[in-house]
Amino acid sequence: MTTIRVSALDTAQAMDEIAAKLGADAMIIDTFKRDGKIEMIATDNAEEHFRSDAQTASGIGSAKVLPYEARDRHINHSAAEAMAEMQRADVEQLPRFNEIFDQKMINSTHTTKADMAAPTRPTNANAAVDNETLRRELGDIKAMLSGMMITQPSGLKEQFGHTAAVQLQQSGFSEKIIHEFQAHFKHEDNQTVKDAFINAIATKLVRADTTDLLERRLICVVGGSGSGKTTLASKIAAYCKEHAIIDRIMLGAATGKGSSASDEIKDFARLMNMKSVNFSVDELAERMHETSNRMIVDVSATPEQAVDAITACCRDLGKTKVAVVQALPGGSSATMISHQCAHYSALDPMIALTKLDECEAMPPELSALAMDGSGIGLLTGTKSIVGGIAIATSQILTQYLRENA
C-alpha cells in the first residue's frame, strides 16, 4: 500500500498529480487547505488503509473515499464546500487594482531600507487571483490611455489657447517649435492663435538675404546624393541670367575623391549658352583665381570634403564673395532634414527646397527646418530649367502652411 500527500494551487492540479503517481484508481483519503494551497491525501489500496486505521484508531478512515475518475461527481462534499468557502472569502477580500495601487503608493512613502531588504511575498493562491485582477484592470487602463493626449502645462491654460496648441500638434508641428512660439498663444480666439503661430514660423523659415547671396561671385550648391543639386545649380544660373543679377556666368562641377564628373552640367550649360568646367573639389579656390567669371558650382563630394574646400575658398576669396545653397528634397523626413542640416551647418547655407512638384514638405518637416535649418531661400520642382525657381517669402510660406496645417 502506498499513501501520498500532495500540495497544489487547486483541486484539479492536486488530482492530476495523484493520478500521475498512483494511477487512475487512486483513492482520495482527505482534502484540506493549508497556507493558501490545497492538500490531498491519497492511497492506492483503500481496504488495507482502513484496516490499518481501525487497528490504530487514527480516525482518518471516517473520511469518504472515492476513485479518482469519479472526482467531479463525488468529491468529499464537506471538504469541497469548505474549500470553496475559503476561496470565495479570499476573492471577496481582494481589493481592486486602483485600491492596490493607491495603497502601494502610500506604503512606498513609508518604506524603510529594512523593509526593502526583506519584502513579504503573497501566497501563490492570492498571487494568482491578484494577477487576474491586474490583467483586467490593466486592460481598462490601456483602453483609457489610447485616447489620452499629454500636453505641456501651458497647453492647459485657457489664456494660452490650449485648443489651438493641441490642434497644431495634431497637424504635425513638433512640440519643440510649438513651445518656442508659445508667446504667440496669448490670444483668446483659437483661429487667431493658429494664424499668429503660422505667421511666426513662416517668418522664421524664410531666409532674408536671398537676393544678396545670389549676387556673390561664387555660389556652391551642396546636398546629399539625389537631392537635385545639378538641376538646382542650373536653375540658379538660369534665374540669375534671366534677371541680370550676375553676368559672365560659368557652370562648374566639383567632385570629391571617389566620385566621377557628370556630363549633365555640360548639357545644361550648352542649353543656356554658358561655359562649363569640371574639376576636383580641392581645386575650387584655384579655379576661382583662374577666371574672372562668376561661377555656380555643383559640389558632388562628401560633406566633410565639401565643407573643407568651401571653408578654404572663403578664407582665400573672402566670406562675403561666397554663397552656399543646400538642396533638400521636399519629401525628406524630419530626421533626414536635421541630419543633413547638421552636416553643413558650419557653412550657414541657404536652404533650397527641391522636387516640390513630386512631394510636399509638411508641418513635421517644416518644424525641423525651423529648428535646424539656416532659412529657406529658394523653392523649385524637378521640371523646367528656365523659370523653374522661386524666391521664398513669408507670404508664400504662410499661405502654404495654412493650406497644409
Protein backbone atom coordinates (compact mmCIF):
# COMPACT_ATOMS: atom_id res chain seq x y z
CA MET A 1 0.00 0.00 0.00
CA THR A 2 1.23 3.49 -0.88
CA THR A 3 -0.16 6.63 0.74
CA ILE A 4 0.93 10.07 -0.51
CA ARG A 5 0.27 13.69 0.35
CA VAL A 6 0.24 16.30 -2.47
CA SER A 7 0.00 20.09 -2.41
CA ALA A 8 -1.21 22.24 -5.32
CA LEU A 9 -2.87 25.55 -6.16
CA ASP A 10 -6.26 23.91 -6.79
CA THR A 11 -8.01 20.54 -6.61
CA ALA A 12 -7.58 19.80 -10.33
CA GLN A 13 -3.80 20.11 -10.14
CA ALA A 14 -3.70 18.03 -6.96
CA MET A 15 -5.78 15.23 -8.50
CA ASP A 16 -3.68 15.27 -11.67
CA GLU A 17 -0.57 14.79 -9.56
CA ILE A 18 -2.22 11.93 -7.62
CA ALA A 19 -3.25 10.22 -10.86
CA ALA A 20 0.26 10.57 -12.22
CA LYS A 21 1.80 8.99 -9.12
CA LEU A 22 -0.81 6.34 -8.11
CA GLY A 23 -2.86 5.78 -11.27
CA ALA A 24 -6.49 6.42 -12.20
CA ASP A 25 -7.81 4.06 -9.47
CA ALA A 26 -6.26 6.07 -6.65
CA MET A 27 -8.48 6.82 -3.62
CA ILE A 28 -8.64 10.29 -2.01
CA ILE A 29 -8.49 10.00 1.78
CA ASP A 30 -8.75 13.63 2.82
CA THR A 31 -8.75 17.17 1.36
CA PHE A 32 -7.95 20.40 3.20
CA LYS A 33 -6.40 23.85 2.69
CA ARG A 34 -3.12 24.94 4.21
CA ASP A 35 -1.10 28.13 3.61
CA GLY A 36 -3.22 29.05 0.61
CA LYS A 37 -2.76 25.66 -1.10
CA ILE A 38 -4.93 22.59 -1.48
CA GLU A 39 -3.51 19.45 0.17
CA MET A 40 -4.80 15.93 -0.54
CA ILE A 41 -4.00 12.56 1.00
CA ALA A 42 -4.50 9.56 -1.32
CA THR A 43 -3.76 5.83 -1.41
CA ASP A 44 -3.69 3.03 -3.95
CA ASN A 45 -5.25 0.46 -1.54
CA ALA A 46 -8.24 1.75 0.40
CA GLU A 47 -9.16 -1.54 2.13
CA GLU A 48 -5.71 -2.03 3.64
CA HIS A 49 -5.64 1.62 4.65
CA PHE A 50 -8.94 1.39 6.55
CA ARG A 51 -7.94 -1.86 8.23
CA SER A 52 -4.84 -0.10 9.45
CA ASP A 53 -6.94 2.86 10.62
CA ALA A 54 -9.32 0.58 12.51
CA GLN A 55 -6.40 -1.05 14.25
CA THR A 56 -4.73 2.23 15.17
CA ALA A 57 -7.98 4.17 15.71
CA SER A 58 -6.46 7.10 13.92
CA GLY A 59 -9.83 8.40 12.73
CA ILE A 60 -8.71 9.09 9.19
CA GLY A 61 -10.94 6.29 7.91
CA SER A 62 -14.02 8.34 8.68
CA ALA A 63 -13.45 10.34 5.52
CA LYS A 64 -15.36 9.34 2.42
CA VAL A 65 -13.14 7.52 -0.13
CA LEU A 66 -13.83 7.69 -3.87
CA PRO A 67 -11.94 6.68 -7.03
CA TYR A 68 -10.04 9.43 -8.92
CA GLU A 69 -12.08 9.03 -12.12
CA ALA A 70 -15.30 9.93 -10.24
CA ARG A 71 -13.88 13.01 -8.51
CA ASP A 72 -16.01 15.57 -10.42
CA ARG A 73 -19.28 13.99 -9.21
CA HIS A 74 -18.49 12.57 -5.75
CA ILE A 75 -15.74 14.62 -4.09
CA ASN A 76 -15.91 14.70 -0.32
CA HIS A 77 -18.63 17.33 -0.01
CA SER A 78 -17.65 18.65 3.37
CA ALA A 79 -14.05 19.21 2.27
CA ALA A 80 -15.08 20.65 -1.14
CA GLU A 81 -17.61 23.02 0.40
CA ALA A 82 -15.10 24.21 2.99
CA MET A 83 -12.50 24.76 0.31
CA ALA A 84 -14.97 26.70 -1.91
CA GLU A 85 -15.95 28.86 1.03
CA MET A 86 -12.32 29.69 1.72
CA GLN A 87 -11.71 30.58 -1.96
CA ARG A 88 -14.79 32.84 -2.03
CA ALA A 89 -13.57 34.57 1.09
CA ASP A 90 -10.14 35.11 -0.48
CA VAL A 91 -11.65 36.67 -3.62
CA GLU A 92 -14.03 38.89 -1.68
CA GLN A 93 -11.18 40.20 0.45
CA LEU A 94 -9.01 41.16 -2.56
CA PRO A 95 -9.02 44.93 -3.24
CA ARG A 96 -9.47 46.36 -6.74
CA PHE A 97 -6.45 47.43 -8.77
CA ASN A 98 -6.85 51.12 -8.03
CA GLU A 99 -7.02 50.34 -4.30
CA ILE A 100 -3.90 48.18 -4.54
CA PHE A 101 -2.14 50.95 -6.49
CA ASP A 102 -3.16 53.66 -4.03
CA GLN A 103 -2.13 51.53 -1.08
CA LYS A 104 1.22 50.70 -2.69
CA MET A 105 1.85 54.39 -3.33
CA ILE A 106 1.03 55.27 0.27
CA ASN A 107 3.12 52.46 1.68
CA SER A 108 6.06 53.25 -0.58
CA THR A 109 6.48 56.66 1.02
CA HIS A 110 6.94 54.97 4.40
CA THR A 111 9.07 52.05 3.22
CA THR A 112 12.37 51.79 5.03
CA LYS A 113 15.59 50.19 3.85
CA ALA A 114 14.95 47.32 6.23
CA ASP A 115 11.52 46.78 4.64
CA MET A 116 13.07 46.76 1.18
CA ALA A 117 15.71 44.26 2.26
CA ALA A 118 13.08 41.75 3.44
CA PRO A 119 9.90 42.17 1.34
CA THR A 120 6.91 39.98 2.08
CA ARG A 121 5.67 37.63 -0.61
CA PRO A 122 1.98 36.84 -1.17
CA THR A 123 0.82 33.27 -1.17
CA ASN A 124 0.55 31.52 -4.53
CA ALA A 125 -3.26 31.37 -4.45
CA ASN A 126 -3.55 35.08 -3.68
CA ALA A 127 -0.93 35.91 -6.30
CA ALA A 128 -2.91 34.02 -8.95
CA VAL A 129 -6.08 35.96 -8.18
CA ASP A 130 -4.11 39.21 -7.96
CA ASN A 131 -2.62 38.59 -11.41
CA GLU A 132 -6.02 38.01 -12.96
CA THR A 133 -7.36 41.19 -11.35
CA LEU A 134 -4.32 43.15 -12.56
CA ARG A 135 -4.78 41.89 -16.11
CA ARG A 136 -8.37 43.08 -16.20
CA GLU A 137 -7.55 46.47 -14.70
CA LEU A 138 -4.51 46.99 -16.96
CA GLY A 139 -6.70 46.25 -19.98
CA ASP A 140 -9.07 49.03 -18.88
CA ILE A 141 -6.15 51.41 -18.31
CA LYS A 142 -4.72 50.66 -21.76
CA ALA A 143 -8.08 51.44 -23.34
CA MET A 144 -8.21 54.76 -21.49
CA LEU A 145 -4.61 55.72 -22.33
CA SER A 146 -5.15 55.11 -26.04
CA GLY A 147 -7.41 58.16 -26.15
CA MET A 148 -5.29 60.44 -23.98
CA MET A 149 -3.01 63.30 -25.04
CA ILE A 150 -0.36 64.67 -22.69
CA THR A 151 0.45 68.35 -23.29
CA GLN A 152 2.78 70.91 -21.81
CA PRO A 153 1.39 72.77 -18.77
CA SER A 154 0.97 75.88 -20.95
CA GLY A 155 -1.41 73.91 -23.12
CA LEU A 156 -3.80 73.51 -20.20
CA LYS A 157 -4.22 77.22 -19.52
CA GLU A 158 -7.11 78.96 -21.17
CA GLN A 159 -5.20 82.20 -21.77
CA PHE A 160 -2.66 80.29 -23.90
CA GLY A 161 -5.34 78.85 -26.14
CA HIS A 162 -4.86 75.20 -25.27
CA THR A 163 -7.16 74.01 -28.05
CA ALA A 164 -5.01 75.68 -30.69
CA ALA A 165 -1.83 74.19 -29.22
CA VAL A 166 -3.32 70.71 -29.39
CA GLN A 167 -4.56 71.31 -32.94
CA LEU A 168 -1.11 72.46 -34.04
CA GLN A 169 0.48 69.36 -32.52
CA GLN A 170 -2.12 67.17 -34.23
CA SER A 171 -1.29 68.90 -37.53
CA GLY A 172 2.27 67.64 -37.18
CA PHE A 173 4.20 70.60 -35.79
CA SER A 174 6.80 69.47 -33.29
CA GLU A 175 6.37 70.07 -29.58
CA LYS A 176 9.69 71.95 -29.56
CA ILE A 177 8.62 74.53 -32.16
CA ILE A 178 5.21 74.99 -30.51
CA HIS A 179 6.93 75.63 -27.18
CA GLU A 180 9.31 78.16 -28.79
CA PHE A 181 6.42 80.19 -30.19
CA GLN A 182 4.11 79.89 -27.21
CA ALA A 183 4.45 83.66 -26.68
CA HIS A 184 2.10 83.96 -29.65
CA PHE A 185 -0.58 81.98 -27.78
CA LYS A 186 -1.85 84.94 -25.79
CA HIS A 187 -4.97 85.47 -27.86
CA GLU A 188 -8.31 84.17 -26.75
CA ASP A 189 -9.56 83.10 -30.16
CA ASN A 190 -8.10 79.77 -31.31
CA GLN A 191 -8.05 80.70 -35.00
CA THR A 192 -6.18 83.88 -34.17
CA VAL A 193 -3.68 81.81 -32.22
CA LYS A 194 -3.11 79.47 -35.19
CA ASP A 195 -2.69 82.41 -37.55
CA ALA A 196 -0.18 84.04 -35.21
CA PHE A 197 1.78 80.80 -34.94
CA ILE A 198 1.82 80.22 -38.71
CA ASN A 199 2.98 83.79 -39.36
CA ALA A 200 5.74 83.43 -36.78
CA ILE A 201 7.06 80.11 -38.10
CA ALA A 202 6.86 81.33 -41.72
CA THR A 203 8.95 84.38 -40.81
CA LYS A 204 11.50 82.17 -39.05
CA LEU A 205 11.68 79.78 -42.01
CA VAL A 206 12.43 82.42 -44.66
CA ARG A 207 15.99 83.49 -45.46
CA ALA A 208 16.06 87.30 -45.57
CA ASP A 209 19.28 87.75 -47.60
CA THR A 210 18.46 85.54 -50.59
CA THR A 211 18.99 88.27 -53.20
CA ASP A 212 22.33 89.23 -51.70
CA LEU A 213 23.51 85.61 -51.78
CA LEU A 214 22.60 85.23 -55.45
CA GLU A 215 24.81 88.24 -56.32
CA ARG A 216 28.00 86.72 -54.92
CA ARG A 217 30.91 85.69 -57.12
CA LEU A 218 30.87 82.03 -56.16
CA ILE A 219 27.71 80.03 -55.43
CA CYS A 220 28.32 76.45 -54.20
CA VAL A 221 25.38 74.04 -54.31
CA VAL A 222 25.71 71.20 -51.77
CA GLY A 223 23.46 68.38 -50.59
CA GLY A 224 23.00 64.66 -50.45
CA SER A 225 23.04 62.31 -53.40
CA GLY A 226 19.79 62.54 -55.37
CA SER A 227 18.76 65.85 -53.79
CA GLY A 228 18.71 67.62 -57.17
CA LYS A 229 21.95 69.62 -56.81
CA THR A 230 22.86 69.58 -60.52
CA THR A 231 19.44 70.72 -61.68
CA LEU A 232 19.32 73.33 -58.92
CA ALA A 233 22.70 74.78 -59.90
CA SER A 234 21.48 75.08 -63.50
CA LYS A 235 18.22 76.71 -62.40
CA ILE A 236 20.09 79.24 -60.28
CA ALA A 237 22.28 80.08 -63.29
CA ALA A 238 19.19 80.48 -65.50
CA TYR A 239 17.47 82.65 -62.87
CA CYS A 240 20.50 84.92 -62.48
CA LYS A 241 20.88 85.29 -66.25
CA GLU A 242 17.16 85.95 -66.74
CA HIS A 243 17.09 88.64 -64.05
CA ALA A 244 20.51 90.05 -64.96
CA ILE A 245 21.68 89.54 -61.38
CA ILE A 246 25.14 88.43 -62.47
CA ASP A 247 26.83 88.32 -65.85
CA ARG A 248 29.62 86.18 -67.32
CA ILE A 249 28.24 83.05 -65.62
CA MET A 250 30.11 79.75 -65.69
CA LEU A 251 28.71 76.43 -64.54
CA GLY A 252 31.08 74.09 -62.69
CA ALA A 253 31.06 70.54 -61.35
CA ALA A 254 33.38 69.89 -58.41
CA THR A 255 33.79 66.23 -57.48
CA GLY A 256 35.34 64.65 -54.43
CA LYS A 257 37.59 61.65 -54.14
CA GLY A 258 35.92 58.51 -55.45
CA SER A 259 33.27 60.50 -57.40
CA SER A 260 33.10 60.85 -61.16
CA ALA A 261 32.08 64.01 -63.00
CA SER A 262 28.71 64.06 -64.72
CA ASP A 263 28.02 65.40 -68.19
CA GLU A 264 24.74 66.99 -67.04
CA ILE A 265 26.39 70.29 -66.18
CA LYS A 266 27.89 70.47 -69.68
CA ASP A 267 24.48 69.74 -71.22
CA PHE A 268 22.72 72.42 -69.14
CA ALA A 269 25.48 74.94 -69.87
CA ARG A 270 25.24 74.24 -73.59
CA LEU A 271 21.45 74.70 -73.39
CA MET A 272 21.88 78.16 -71.82
CA ASN A 273 24.93 79.12 -73.94
CA MET A 274 27.28 79.18 -70.94
CA LYS A 275 30.78 77.91 -70.31
CA SER A 276 31.27 74.86 -68.10
CA VAL A 277 34.17 73.21 -66.32
CA ASN A 278 34.75 70.04 -64.30
CA PHE A 279 37.41 69.80 -61.59
CA SER A 280 38.28 68.27 -58.22
CA VAL A 281 36.68 69.88 -55.18
CA ASP A 282 40.16 70.53 -53.75
CA GLU A 283 40.86 72.82 -56.73
CA LEU A 284 37.89 75.10 -56.02
CA ALA A 285 39.87 78.12 -54.80
CA GLU A 286 42.48 77.68 -57.54
CA ARG A 287 39.84 77.56 -60.26
CA MET A 288 38.27 80.76 -58.99
CA HIS A 289 41.61 82.55 -59.33
CA GLU A 290 41.95 81.38 -62.93
CA THR A 291 38.77 83.06 -64.15
CA SER A 292 37.06 86.41 -63.86
CA ASN A 293 33.67 84.81 -64.47
CA ARG A 294 31.18 84.27 -61.71
CA MET A 295 30.78 80.57 -61.06
CA ILE A 296 27.89 78.41 -59.90
CA VAL A 297 29.29 75.05 -58.82
CA ASP A 298 27.58 71.71 -58.25
CA VAL A 299 29.64 70.17 -55.41
CA SER A 300 29.48 66.35 -55.53
CA ALA A 301 31.60 65.30 -52.57
CA THR A 302 31.20 64.04 -49.02
CA PRO A 303 30.04 66.67 -46.51
CA GLU A 304 33.49 66.73 -44.90
CA GLN A 305 35.26 67.30 -48.24
CA ALA A 306 32.76 69.95 -49.28
CA VAL A 307 32.96 71.86 -46.00
CA ASP A 308 36.76 71.83 -46.00
CA ALA A 309 37.06 73.01 -49.63
CA ILE A 310 34.42 75.76 -49.33
CA THR A 311 35.85 76.97 -46.00
CA ALA A 312 39.29 77.25 -47.60
CA CYS A 313 37.77 79.15 -50.53
CA CYS A 314 36.05 81.57 -48.14
CA ARG A 315 39.39 82.31 -46.48
CA ASP A 316 41.03 82.87 -49.85
CA LEU A 317 38.34 84.94 -51.63
CA GLY A 318 36.63 86.45 -48.62
CA LYS A 319 33.47 85.20 -46.97
CA THR A 320 31.34 87.97 -48.49
CA LYS A 321 32.08 86.68 -52.02
CA VAL A 322 30.96 83.08 -51.41
CA ALA A 323 27.39 81.79 -51.02
CA VAL A 324 26.34 78.24 -50.17
CA VAL A 325 22.99 76.75 -51.18
CA GLN A 326 21.90 73.42 -49.70
CA ALA A 327 19.46 71.30 -51.71
CA LEU A 328 16.85 69.45 -49.66
CA PRO A 329 14.11 67.41 -51.38
CA GLY A 330 10.63 68.40 -50.26
CA GLY A 331 9.78 64.83 -49.26
CA SER A 332 12.68 64.43 -46.83
CA SER A 333 11.72 63.26 -43.35
CA ALA A 334 12.23 65.46 -40.30
CA THR A 335 15.05 63.18 -39.15
CA MET A 336 16.80 63.37 -42.53
CA ILE A 337 16.47 67.16 -42.60
CA SER A 338 18.05 67.52 -39.16
CA HIS A 339 20.82 65.09 -40.17
CA GLN A 340 21.60 66.90 -43.43
CA CYS A 341 21.46 70.37 -41.87
CA ALA A 342 23.96 69.26 -39.22
CA HIS A 343 26.46 68.27 -41.96
CA TYR A 344 26.63 71.77 -43.48
CA SER A 345 25.73 73.99 -40.51
CA ALA A 346 29.29 75.42 -40.39
CA LEU A 347 28.74 76.96 -43.85
CA ASP A 348 25.44 78.68 -42.87
CA PRO A 349 23.81 77.57 -46.16
CA MET A 350 20.64 78.94 -47.65
CA ILE A 351 18.11 76.12 -47.95
CA ALA A 352 16.54 75.33 -51.30
CA LEU A 353 13.54 73.01 -51.22
CA THR A 354 13.67 70.89 -54.38
CA LYS A 355 11.29 68.43 -56.08
CA LEU A 356 8.23 70.15 -54.62
CA ASP A 357 6.19 69.04 -57.62
CA GLU A 358 6.79 65.40 -56.61
CA CYS A 359 6.29 65.60 -52.84
CA GLU A 360 5.39 68.37 -50.43
CA ALA A 361 7.07 69.49 -47.22
CA MET A 362 4.60 69.01 -44.38
CA PRO A 363 4.47 70.50 -40.83
CA PRO A 364 6.83 67.90 -39.25
CA GLU A 365 9.48 68.62 -41.90
CA LEU A 366 9.00 72.38 -41.72
CA SER A 367 9.31 72.20 -37.93
CA ALA A 368 12.70 70.51 -38.35
CA LEU A 369 13.75 73.18 -40.85
CA ALA A 370 12.69 75.95 -38.49
CA MET A 371 14.75 74.45 -35.66
CA ASP A 372 17.82 73.15 -37.52
CA GLY A 373 17.91 74.91 -40.90
CA SER A 374 19.54 78.22 -41.82
CA GLY A 375 16.49 79.61 -43.60
CA ILE A 376 14.66 78.71 -46.82
CA GLY A 377 15.58 80.92 -49.77
CA LEU A 378 14.55 79.00 -52.89
CA LEU A 379 11.61 76.82 -53.93
CA THR A 380 11.71 74.63 -57.01
CA GLY A 381 10.43 71.48 -58.66
CA THR A 382 12.07 68.93 -60.93
CA LYS A 383 10.96 70.33 -64.29
CA SER A 384 11.60 73.49 -66.32
CA ILE A 385 15.09 74.92 -66.01
CA VAL A 386 14.09 78.39 -67.20
CA GLY A 387 11.52 79.99 -64.90
CA GLY A 388 11.57 76.94 -62.65
CA ILE A 389 12.73 78.59 -59.45
CA ALA A 390 11.01 80.93 -56.98
CA ILE A 391 12.32 83.09 -54.17
CA ALA A 392 10.80 82.01 -50.84
CA THR A 393 8.86 84.70 -48.99
CA SER A 394 6.98 84.69 -45.71
CA GLN A 395 3.72 85.32 -47.62
CA ILE A 396 4.26 82.21 -49.77
CA LEU A 397 5.13 80.01 -46.78
CA THR A 398 2.27 81.41 -44.71
CA GLN A 399 -0.21 80.52 -47.44
CA TYR A 400 1.39 77.10 -47.86
CA LEU A 401 1.18 76.36 -44.13
CA ARG A 402 -2.45 77.46 -43.91
CA GLU A 403 -3.35 75.07 -46.72
CA ASN A 404 -1.43 72.09 -45.27
CA ALA A 405 -1.67 72.54 -41.47
